[in-house]
Amino acid sequence: MKKVIVVLSAMFLLVAVSYAQPRAIGGRFGMNLEVSYQHSFGERNFLQVDAGMLYWYRGVKAEGTYNWIFATPDWTTKGSWEWYAGLGAGVGFDWHTYTCDKKPNVPLHTHAGYLHVGLVGMVGLSYTFWFPLQLSIDYRPLIGVRLGTYHRYNLDADYFTAFYVPGMYDFAFSVRYKF
């Protein structure tokens, strides 16, 4: 009976601590369309997990960063500003289908699929209103590799590995409900 009471007490405390930490959920809009979740660990650290669509329609991705708040400027009397930076990892898959007519009446179809993985860095500025709304802008480059294949009409597949260039252009605006 003691073990049951200890286990139930530990579970209750874990749930209470989890709900005591501020969280935020919303969207991140930029080159990609993503759902964004933040979970705070104390006053100066938070985990951010984003998942969504690449280029708004051409693939899927997920990225997570552990962020540190390094400055809280006092620019307004209401609400709070935060400068933050962090590191993490990301993975995604995107696809393309092209049709081009090189010869009359003979279309050339190309299908390409890419898996990308890499390290993610993040730097941003957020403003939390005196009511539970948070706005932020950030830059989150993914430095990694792109692994993929090309499938051409009537030809064998070509495999390649390359630097993931689109990951360097990930600027975004986020809107989150903070609870």
N, C-alpha and C. Protein backbone atom coordinates (compact mmCIF):
# COMPACT_ATOMS: atom_id res chain seq x y z
N MET A 1 0.82 -1.19 0.00
CA MET A 1 0.00 0.00 0.00
C MET A 1 0.87 1.26 0.00
N LYS A 2 2.00 1.21 0.71
CA LYS A 2 2.90 2.36 0.75
C LYS A 2 3.42 2.69 -0.65
N LYS A 3 3.75 1.65 -1.43
CA LYS A 3 4.26 1.86 -2.78
C LYS A 3 3.23 2.57 -3.65
N VAL A 4 1.98 2.20 -3.52
CA VAL A 4 0.91 2.82 -4.32
C VAL A 4 0.77 4.29 -3.95
N ILE A 5 0.83 4.60 -2.67
CA ILE A 5 0.72 5.99 -2.22
C ILE A 5 1.92 6.80 -2.71
N VAL A 6 3.13 6.23 -2.65
CA VAL A 6 4.32 6.92 -3.12
C VAL A 6 4.24 7.17 -4.62
N VAL A 7 3.84 6.17 -5.39
CA VAL A 7 3.73 6.32 -6.85
C VAL A 7 2.67 7.35 -7.21
N LEU A 8 1.51 7.30 -6.58
CA LEU A 8 0.45 8.28 -6.86
C LEU A 8 0.88 9.69 -6.46
N SER A 9 1.59 9.82 -5.36
CA SER A 9 2.08 11.14 -4.94
C SER A 9 3.10 11.68 -5.93
N ALA A 10 4.01 10.83 -6.39
CA ALA A 10 5.01 11.26 -7.37
C ALA A 10 4.35 11.67 -8.68
N MET A 11 3.36 10.92 -9.14
CA MET A 11 2.64 11.28 -10.37
C MET A 11 1.91 12.61 -10.19
N PHE A 12 1.28 12.82 -9.06
CA PHE A 12 0.58 14.08 -8.80
C PHE A 12 1.55 15.26 -8.81
N LEU A 13 2.71 15.10 -8.16
CA LEU A 13 3.69 16.19 -8.14
C LEU A 13 4.25 16.47 -9.53
N LEU A 14 4.49 15.43 -10.32
CA LEU A 14 4.98 15.61 -11.68
C LEU A 14 3.97 16.37 -12.54
N VAL A 15 2.72 16.01 -12.43
CA VAL A 15 1.67 16.72 -13.18
C VAL A 15 1.55 18.16 -12.69
N ALA A 16 1.61 18.38 -11.40
CA ALA A 16 1.50 19.74 -10.86
C ALA A 16 2.66 20.62 -11.31
N VAL A 17 3.88 20.08 -11.31
CA VAL A 17 5.04 20.85 -11.77
C VAL A 17 4.91 21.15 -13.26
N SER A 18 4.44 20.17 -14.04
CA SER A 18 4.28 20.37 -15.48
C SER A 18 3.27 21.48 -15.77
N TYR A 19 2.16 21.51 -15.05
CA TYR A 19 1.15 22.54 -15.29
C TYR A 19 1.53 23.89 -14.70
N ALA A 20 2.49 23.93 -13.81
CA ALA A 20 2.91 25.19 -13.21
C ALA A 20 3.81 25.98 -14.15
N GLN A 21 4.40 25.32 -15.15
CA GLN A 21 5.30 25.99 -16.09
C GLN A 21 4.50 26.65 -17.21
N PRO A 22 4.85 27.88 -17.56
CA PRO A 22 4.15 28.55 -18.66
C PRO A 22 4.39 27.83 -19.99
N ARG A 23 3.35 27.82 -20.80
CA ARG A 23 3.40 27.23 -22.13
C ARG A 23 2.75 28.17 -23.12
N ALA A 24 3.03 27.95 -24.40
CA ALA A 24 2.42 28.76 -25.45
C ALA A 24 2.22 27.87 -26.67
N ILE A 25 1.11 28.09 -27.37
CA ILE A 25 0.83 27.35 -28.60
C ILE A 25 0.28 28.32 -29.64
N GLY A 26 0.66 28.09 -30.88
CA GLY A 26 0.21 28.98 -31.94
C GLY A 26 0.77 28.58 -33.29
N GLY A 27 1.00 29.58 -34.14
CA GLY A 27 1.48 29.33 -35.48
C GLY A 27 2.73 30.14 -35.79
N ARG A 28 3.52 29.61 -36.70
CA ARG A 28 4.75 30.27 -37.16
C ARG A 28 4.63 30.39 -38.67
N PHE A 29 4.71 31.63 -39.17
CA PHE A 29 4.45 31.90 -40.58
C PHE A 29 5.65 32.58 -41.22
N GLY A 30 6.13 32.02 -42.29
CA GLY A 30 7.27 32.56 -43.02
C GLY A 30 7.41 31.79 -44.31
N MET A 31 8.60 31.29 -44.57
CA MET A 31 8.81 30.44 -45.73
C MET A 31 8.02 29.14 -45.58
N ASN A 32 7.74 28.76 -44.35
CA ASN A 32 6.99 27.54 -44.04
C ASN A 32 5.76 27.90 -43.21
N LEU A 33 4.82 27.01 -43.15
CA LEU A 33 3.63 27.17 -42.32
C LEU A 33 3.69 26.10 -41.25
N GLU A 34 3.79 26.52 -39.97
CA GLU A 34 4.05 25.57 -38.90
C GLU A 34 3.16 25.80 -37.69
N VAL A 35 2.93 24.74 -36.94
CA VAL A 35 2.32 24.81 -35.62
C VAL A 35 3.48 24.89 -34.63
N SER A 36 3.37 25.80 -33.67
CA SER A 36 4.48 26.06 -32.75
C SER A 36 4.04 25.85 -31.31
N TYR A 37 4.90 25.20 -30.52
CA TYR A 37 4.63 24.95 -29.10
C TYR A 37 5.87 25.33 -28.30
N GLN A 38 5.68 26.06 -27.21
CA GLN A 38 6.77 26.42 -26.30
C GLN A 38 6.44 25.93 -24.90
N HIS A 39 7.46 25.43 -24.22
CA HIS A 39 7.32 24.99 -22.83
C HIS A 39 8.49 25.58 -22.04
N SER A 40 8.17 26.37 -21.03
CA SER A 40 9.21 27.04 -20.24
C SER A 40 9.79 26.14 -19.17
N PHE A 41 11.08 26.31 -18.93
CA PHE A 41 11.79 25.65 -17.84
C PHE A 41 12.40 26.75 -17.00
N GLY A 42 11.69 27.23 -16.02
CA GLY A 42 12.16 28.35 -15.21
C GLY A 42 11.86 29.66 -15.94
N GLU A 43 12.56 30.71 -15.51
CA GLU A 43 12.30 32.04 -16.07
C GLU A 43 13.15 32.35 -17.29
N ARG A 44 14.25 31.63 -17.51
CA ARG A 44 15.20 32.01 -18.56
C ARG A 44 15.38 30.99 -19.69
N ASN A 45 14.70 29.84 -19.65
CA ASN A 45 14.88 28.80 -20.65
C ASN A 45 13.54 28.27 -21.13
N PHE A 46 13.48 27.87 -22.40
CA PHE A 46 12.28 27.23 -22.91
C PHE A 46 12.60 26.33 -24.09
N LEU A 47 11.76 25.33 -24.27
CA LEU A 47 11.85 24.41 -25.38
C LEU A 47 10.81 24.83 -26.41
N GLN A 48 11.19 24.90 -27.67
CA GLN A 48 10.25 25.23 -28.74
C GLN A 48 10.26 24.10 -29.75
N VAL A 49 9.08 23.57 -30.07
CA VAL A 49 8.93 22.51 -31.05
C VAL A 49 7.97 23.03 -32.13
N ASP A 50 8.42 22.95 -33.39
CA ASP A 50 7.62 23.40 -34.53
C ASP A 50 7.49 22.26 -35.52
N ALA A 51 6.30 22.08 -36.06
CA ALA A 51 6.06 21.06 -37.09
C ALA A 51 5.09 21.64 -38.10
N GLY A 52 5.32 21.34 -39.37
CA GLY A 52 4.42 21.87 -40.38
C GLY A 52 4.82 21.53 -41.79
N MET A 53 4.40 22.42 -42.69
CA MET A 53 4.59 22.21 -44.13
C MET A 53 5.73 23.07 -44.65
N LEU A 54 6.58 22.47 -45.46
CA LEU A 54 7.66 23.18 -46.14
C LEU A 54 7.09 23.98 -47.30
N TYR A 55 7.52 25.18 -47.44
CA TYR A 55 7.13 26.04 -48.56
C TYR A 55 5.60 26.11 -48.71
N TRP A 56 4.87 25.91 -47.65
CA TRP A 56 3.42 25.98 -47.54
C TRP A 56 2.70 24.82 -48.23
N TYR A 57 3.38 23.98 -49.01
CA TYR A 57 2.65 22.89 -49.66
C TYR A 57 3.53 21.74 -50.16
N ARG A 58 4.85 21.85 -50.14
CA ARG A 58 5.71 20.88 -50.83
C ARG A 58 6.41 19.88 -49.94
N GLY A 59 6.08 19.79 -48.70
CA GLY A 59 6.76 18.83 -47.84
C GLY A 59 6.35 18.99 -46.39
N VAL A 60 7.00 18.22 -45.53
CA VAL A 60 6.73 18.27 -44.09
C VAL A 60 8.06 18.40 -43.36
N LYS A 61 8.00 18.95 -42.15
CA LYS A 61 9.21 19.14 -41.36
C LYS A 61 8.87 19.20 -39.89
N ALA A 62 9.87 18.97 -39.05
CA ALA A 62 9.75 19.12 -37.61
C ALA A 62 11.11 19.59 -37.08
N GLU A 63 11.07 20.56 -36.19
CA GLU A 63 12.30 21.09 -35.61
C GLU A 63 12.06 21.39 -34.14
N GLY A 64 13.10 21.21 -33.36
CA GLY A 64 13.04 21.52 -31.95
C GLY A 64 14.28 22.27 -31.52
N THR A 65 14.10 23.28 -30.68
CA THR A 65 15.24 24.06 -30.18
C THR A 65 15.09 24.27 -28.67
N TYR A 66 16.22 24.25 -27.99
CA TYR A 66 16.26 24.64 -26.58
C TYR A 66 16.81 26.06 -26.56
N ASN A 67 16.05 27.00 -26.01
CA ASN A 67 16.38 28.43 -26.09
C ASN A 67 16.68 29.02 -24.73
N TRP A 68 17.58 30.02 -24.74
CA TRP A 68 17.95 30.78 -23.56
C TRP A 68 17.55 32.24 -23.77
N ILE A 69 16.88 32.82 -22.80
CA ILE A 69 16.53 34.24 -22.86
C ILE A 69 17.73 35.00 -22.31
N PHE A 70 18.34 35.81 -23.18
CA PHE A 70 19.57 36.49 -22.75
C PHE A 70 19.37 37.97 -22.47
N ALA A 71 18.22 38.54 -22.80
CA ALA A 71 17.95 39.95 -22.47
C ALA A 71 16.44 40.17 -22.38
N THR A 72 16.05 40.99 -21.41
CA THR A 72 14.64 41.37 -21.26
C THR A 72 14.57 42.90 -21.16
N PRO A 73 14.61 43.59 -22.31
CA PRO A 73 14.59 45.05 -22.28
C PRO A 73 13.29 45.58 -21.70
N ASP A 74 13.36 46.72 -21.05
CA ASP A 74 12.19 47.36 -20.44
C ASP A 74 11.73 48.49 -21.36
N TRP A 75 11.19 48.12 -22.54
CA TRP A 75 10.80 49.11 -23.53
C TRP A 75 9.37 49.61 -23.34
N THR A 76 8.54 48.89 -22.61
CA THR A 76 7.14 49.29 -22.41
C THR A 76 6.76 49.13 -20.95
N THR A 77 5.71 49.82 -20.56
CA THR A 77 5.23 49.70 -19.18
C THR A 77 4.33 48.48 -19.01
N LYS A 78 3.67 48.05 -20.08
CA LYS A 78 2.83 46.84 -20.04
C LYS A 78 3.46 45.79 -20.94
N GLY A 79 3.29 44.53 -20.58
CA GLY A 79 3.85 43.45 -21.38
C GLY A 79 5.34 43.27 -21.12
N SER A 80 5.93 42.32 -21.84
CA SER A 80 7.36 42.05 -21.65
C SER A 80 8.02 41.68 -22.97
N TRP A 81 9.25 42.15 -23.16
CA TRP A 81 10.08 41.86 -24.32
C TRP A 81 11.13 40.84 -23.92
N GLU A 82 11.51 39.96 -24.87
CA GLU A 82 12.56 38.98 -24.62
C GLU A 82 13.38 38.74 -25.88
N TRP A 83 14.70 38.84 -25.75
CA TRP A 83 15.64 38.41 -26.79
C TRP A 83 16.05 37.00 -26.41
N TYR A 84 16.05 36.08 -27.37
CA TYR A 84 16.40 34.70 -27.07
C TYR A 84 17.22 34.09 -28.20
N ALA A 85 17.95 33.04 -27.87
CA ALA A 85 18.74 32.28 -28.84
C ALA A 85 18.78 30.83 -28.37
N GLY A 86 18.94 29.92 -29.34
CA GLY A 86 18.97 28.52 -28.97
C GLY A 86 19.54 27.62 -30.04
N LEU A 87 19.66 26.35 -29.68
CA LEU A 87 20.18 25.31 -30.57
C LEU A 87 19.25 24.11 -30.55
N GLY A 88 19.27 23.34 -31.64
CA GLY A 88 18.45 22.15 -31.70
C GLY A 88 18.72 21.34 -32.95
N ALA A 89 17.71 20.58 -33.38
CA ALA A 89 17.85 19.71 -34.54
C ALA A 89 16.55 19.75 -35.35
N GLY A 90 16.66 19.37 -36.62
CA GLY A 90 15.50 19.35 -37.49
C GLY A 90 15.58 18.25 -38.52
N VAL A 91 14.41 17.84 -39.00
CA VAL A 91 14.30 16.83 -40.04
C VAL A 91 13.09 17.16 -40.90
N GLY A 92 13.15 16.80 -42.17
CA GLY A 92 12.02 17.06 -43.05
C GLY A 92 12.12 16.28 -44.34
N PHE A 93 11.03 16.29 -45.09
CA PHE A 93 10.98 15.63 -46.38
C PHE A 93 10.20 16.52 -47.33
N ASP A 94 10.76 16.77 -48.51
CA ASP A 94 10.04 17.53 -49.53
C ASP A 94 10.11 16.82 -50.87
N TRP A 95 9.16 17.13 -51.73
CA TRP A 95 9.04 16.45 -53.02
C TRP A 95 8.70 17.45 -54.10
N HIS A 96 9.04 17.10 -55.33
CA HIS A 96 8.77 17.94 -56.50
C HIS A 96 8.33 17.03 -57.64
N THR A 97 7.47 17.55 -58.49
CA THR A 97 7.11 16.88 -59.72
C THR A 97 7.15 17.92 -60.82
N TYR A 98 7.95 17.68 -61.83
CA TYR A 98 8.09 18.60 -62.95
C TYR A 98 7.65 17.92 -64.23
N THR A 99 7.07 18.66 -65.12
CA THR A 99 6.76 18.18 -66.47
C THR A 99 7.30 19.21 -67.44
N CYS A 100 8.18 18.77 -68.31
CA CYS A 100 8.70 19.68 -69.32
C CYS A 100 8.70 18.97 -70.67
N ASP A 101 8.40 19.71 -71.68
CA ASP A 101 8.31 19.16 -73.03
C ASP A 101 9.58 19.51 -73.80
N LYS A 102 10.50 18.56 -73.83
CA LYS A 102 11.73 18.77 -74.60
C LYS A 102 11.55 18.38 -76.05
N LYS A 103 10.73 17.35 -76.29
CA LYS A 103 10.43 16.93 -77.66
C LYS A 103 8.94 17.11 -77.89
N PRO A 104 8.54 17.42 -79.07
CA PRO A 104 7.11 17.57 -79.34
C PRO A 104 6.35 16.26 -79.05
N ASN A 105 5.25 16.37 -78.34
CA ASN A 105 4.35 15.27 -78.01
C ASN A 105 4.98 14.19 -77.12
N VAL A 106 6.13 14.46 -76.49
CA VAL A 106 6.76 13.51 -75.57
C VAL A 106 7.10 14.27 -74.28
N PRO A 107 6.20 14.25 -73.28
CA PRO A 107 6.51 14.97 -72.04
C PRO A 107 7.58 14.24 -71.23
N LEU A 108 8.43 14.99 -70.60
CA LEU A 108 9.46 14.45 -69.73
C LEU A 108 9.02 14.73 -68.29
N HIS A 109 8.78 13.69 -67.52
CA HIS A 109 8.34 13.83 -66.13
C HIS A 109 9.53 13.58 -65.21
N THR A 110 9.71 14.42 -64.22
CA THR A 110 10.75 14.25 -63.23
C THR A 110 10.11 14.31 -61.85
N HIS A 111 10.38 13.30 -61.05
CA HIS A 111 9.92 13.26 -59.65
C HIS A 111 11.15 13.27 -58.77
N ALA A 112 11.17 14.14 -57.79
CA ALA A 112 12.31 14.22 -56.89
C ALA A 112 11.82 14.19 -55.45
N GLY A 113 12.53 13.50 -54.61
CA GLY A 113 12.23 13.46 -53.18
C GLY A 113 13.49 13.71 -52.39
N TYR A 114 13.40 14.53 -51.34
CA TYR A 114 14.57 14.91 -50.56
C TYR A 114 14.28 14.72 -49.07
N LEU A 115 15.20 14.10 -48.39
CA LEU A 115 15.18 14.05 -46.93
C LEU A 115 16.28 14.99 -46.46
N HIS A 116 15.95 15.89 -45.54
CA HIS A 116 17.00 16.75 -45.00
C HIS A 116 17.05 16.62 -43.48
N VAL A 117 18.26 16.65 -42.96
CA VAL A 117 18.50 16.58 -41.51
C VAL A 117 19.63 17.55 -41.19
N GLY A 118 19.60 18.09 -39.98
CA GLY A 118 20.68 18.99 -39.61
C GLY A 118 20.50 19.62 -38.25
N LEU A 119 21.45 20.47 -37.93
CA LEU A 119 21.42 21.25 -36.69
C LEU A 119 20.71 22.57 -36.94
N VAL A 120 20.00 23.03 -35.94
CA VAL A 120 19.21 24.25 -36.05
C VAL A 120 19.72 25.26 -35.02
N GLY A 121 19.85 26.50 -35.46
CA GLY A 121 20.12 27.60 -34.55
C GLY A 121 18.94 28.55 -34.59
N MET A 122 18.74 29.30 -33.54
CA MET A 122 17.61 30.22 -33.51
C MET A 122 17.99 31.49 -32.77
N VAL A 123 17.55 32.62 -33.29
CA VAL A 123 17.67 33.89 -32.59
C VAL A 123 16.38 34.66 -32.87
N GLY A 124 15.82 35.27 -31.82
CA GLY A 124 14.54 35.95 -32.02
C GLY A 124 14.24 36.99 -30.95
N LEU A 125 13.16 37.71 -31.21
CA LEU A 125 12.64 38.73 -30.31
C LEU A 125 11.15 38.49 -30.15
N SER A 126 10.68 38.43 -28.91
CA SER A 126 9.25 38.21 -28.67
C SER A 126 8.69 39.29 -27.75
N TYR A 127 7.41 39.54 -27.92
CA TYR A 127 6.69 40.46 -27.05
C TYR A 127 5.46 39.74 -26.53
N THR A 128 5.32 39.67 -25.22
CA THR A 128 4.14 39.08 -24.59
C THR A 128 3.31 40.21 -24.02
N PHE A 129 2.07 40.31 -24.48
CA PHE A 129 1.16 41.35 -24.01
C PHE A 129 0.76 41.10 -22.56
N TRP A 130 0.08 42.05 -21.95
CA TRP A 130 -0.41 41.90 -20.58
C TRP A 130 -1.59 40.94 -20.54
N PHE A 131 -2.15 40.58 -21.68
CA PHE A 131 -3.11 39.50 -21.80
C PHE A 131 -2.39 38.34 -22.50
N PRO A 132 -2.93 37.12 -22.54
CA PRO A 132 -2.13 35.95 -22.96
C PRO A 132 -1.91 35.83 -24.47
N LEU A 133 -1.24 36.80 -25.05
CA LEU A 133 -0.89 36.75 -26.47
C LEU A 133 0.59 37.08 -26.62
N GLN A 134 1.28 36.29 -27.43
CA GLN A 134 2.71 36.49 -27.66
C GLN A 134 2.96 36.62 -29.17
N LEU A 135 3.71 37.64 -29.56
CA LEU A 135 4.14 37.84 -30.94
C LEU A 135 5.66 37.75 -30.98
N SER A 136 6.20 37.14 -32.02
CA SER A 136 7.66 37.06 -32.11
C SER A 136 8.11 37.02 -33.56
N ILE A 137 9.34 37.46 -33.77
CA ILE A 137 10.01 37.31 -35.06
C ILE A 137 11.32 36.58 -34.77
N ASP A 138 11.71 35.71 -35.70
CA ASP A 138 12.94 34.96 -35.47
C ASP A 138 13.58 34.54 -36.77
N TYR A 139 14.83 34.17 -36.65
CA TYR A 139 15.62 33.58 -37.73
C TYR A 139 16.11 32.24 -37.24
N ARG A 140 15.79 31.17 -38.00
CA ARG A 140 16.13 29.82 -37.57
C ARG A 140 16.75 29.04 -38.74
N PRO A 141 18.05 29.19 -38.95
CA PRO A 141 18.69 28.43 -40.04
C PRO A 141 18.89 26.96 -39.66
N LEU A 142 18.71 26.09 -40.65
CA LEU A 142 19.01 24.68 -40.50
C LEU A 142 20.24 24.40 -41.34
N ILE A 143 21.31 23.99 -40.69
CA ILE A 143 22.56 23.68 -41.38
C ILE A 143 22.68 22.16 -41.42
N GLY A 144 22.52 21.62 -42.62
CA GLY A 144 22.53 20.17 -42.72
C GLY A 144 22.68 19.68 -44.14
N VAL A 145 22.33 18.42 -44.33
CA VAL A 145 22.47 17.78 -45.63
C VAL A 145 21.10 17.44 -46.20
N ARG A 146 21.09 17.33 -47.51
CA ARG A 146 19.90 16.94 -48.25
C ARG A 146 20.25 15.64 -48.98
N LEU A 147 19.49 14.61 -48.73
CA LEU A 147 19.67 13.32 -49.37
C LEU A 147 18.46 13.10 -50.27
N GLY A 148 18.69 12.74 -51.53
CA GLY A 148 17.54 12.64 -52.40
C GLY A 148 17.73 11.77 -53.61
N THR A 149 16.64 11.66 -54.37
CA THR A 149 16.64 10.92 -55.62
C THR A 149 15.88 11.70 -56.68
N TYR A 150 16.30 11.53 -57.92
CA TYR A 150 15.56 12.00 -59.09
C TYR A 150 15.07 10.78 -59.84
N HIS A 151 13.81 10.76 -60.22
CA HIS A 151 13.25 9.70 -61.05
C HIS A 151 12.79 10.35 -62.34
N ARG A 152 13.49 10.07 -63.42
CA ARG A 152 13.13 10.64 -64.72
C ARG A 152 12.33 9.64 -65.53
N TYR A 153 11.50 10.15 -66.39
CA TYR A 153 10.66 9.33 -67.25
C TYR A 153 11.55 8.41 -68.10
N ASN A 154 11.32 7.11 -68.05
CA ASN A 154 12.03 6.09 -68.81
C ASN A 154 13.52 5.98 -68.47
N LEU A 155 13.94 6.50 -67.31
CA LEU A 155 15.34 6.41 -66.91
C LEU A 155 15.43 5.88 -65.49
N ASP A 156 16.61 5.42 -65.09
CA ASP A 156 16.83 4.97 -63.72
C ASP A 156 16.92 6.18 -62.79
N ALA A 157 16.81 5.91 -61.49
CA ALA A 157 16.89 6.98 -60.49
C ALA A 157 18.34 7.42 -60.28
N ASP A 158 18.52 8.70 -60.03
CA ASP A 158 19.82 9.25 -59.66
C ASP A 158 19.76 9.63 -58.18
N TYR A 159 20.81 9.27 -57.43
CA TYR A 159 20.89 9.57 -56.01
C TYR A 159 21.92 10.66 -55.79
N PHE A 160 21.68 11.52 -54.80
CA PHE A 160 22.63 12.60 -54.55
C PHE A 160 22.61 13.00 -53.09
N THR A 161 23.68 13.68 -52.67
CA THR A 161 23.80 14.29 -51.35
C THR A 161 24.29 15.71 -51.56
N ALA A 162 23.69 16.67 -50.86
CA ALA A 162 24.07 18.08 -51.04
C ALA A 162 23.81 18.84 -49.75
N PHE A 163 24.37 20.04 -49.68
CA PHE A 163 24.10 20.97 -48.58
C PHE A 163 22.66 21.45 -48.70
N TYR A 164 21.93 21.55 -47.59
CA TYR A 164 20.52 21.96 -47.62
C TYR A 164 20.44 23.49 -47.62
N VAL A 165 20.45 24.08 -48.80
CA VAL A 165 20.47 25.54 -48.96
C VAL A 165 19.19 26.21 -48.47
N PRO A 166 17.96 25.70 -48.76
CA PRO A 166 16.76 26.41 -48.29
C PRO A 166 16.69 26.59 -46.78
N GLY A 167 17.40 25.76 -46.03
CA GLY A 167 17.39 25.89 -44.58
C GLY A 167 18.00 27.18 -44.08
N MET A 168 18.78 27.86 -44.90
CA MET A 168 19.44 29.10 -44.49
C MET A 168 18.52 30.32 -44.55
N TYR A 169 17.31 30.18 -45.11
CA TYR A 169 16.42 31.33 -45.33
C TYR A 169 15.15 31.26 -44.50
N ASP A 170 15.21 30.75 -43.30
CA ASP A 170 14.00 30.54 -42.50
C ASP A 170 13.77 31.70 -41.52
N PHE A 171 13.22 32.79 -42.02
CA PHE A 171 12.76 33.91 -41.20
C PHE A 171 11.26 33.72 -41.00
N ALA A 172 10.73 34.09 -39.83
CA ALA A 172 9.30 33.88 -39.60
C ALA A 172 8.75 34.84 -38.55
N PHE A 173 7.42 34.95 -38.59
CA PHE A 173 6.62 35.71 -37.63
C PHE A 173 5.72 34.71 -36.93
N SER A 174 5.63 34.78 -35.61
CA SER A 174 4.83 33.82 -34.85
C SER A 174 3.79 34.53 -34.00
N VAL A 175 2.65 33.87 -33.87
CA VAL A 175 1.56 34.32 -32.99
C VAL A 175 1.22 33.13 -32.10
N ARG A 176 1.26 33.34 -30.77
CA ARG A 176 0.99 32.24 -29.85
C ARG A 176 0.07 32.69 -28.71
N TYR A 177 -0.74 31.75 -28.25
CA TYR A 177 -1.55 31.93 -27.05
C TYR A 177 -0.73 31.40 -25.88
N LYS A 178 -0.47 32.24 -24.90
CA LYS A 178 0.37 31.84 -23.76
C LYS A 178 -0.52 31.48 -22.58
N PHE A 179 -0.30 30.28 -22.05
CA PHE A 179 -1.10 29.84 -20.90
C PHE A 179 -0.23 29.16 -19.87
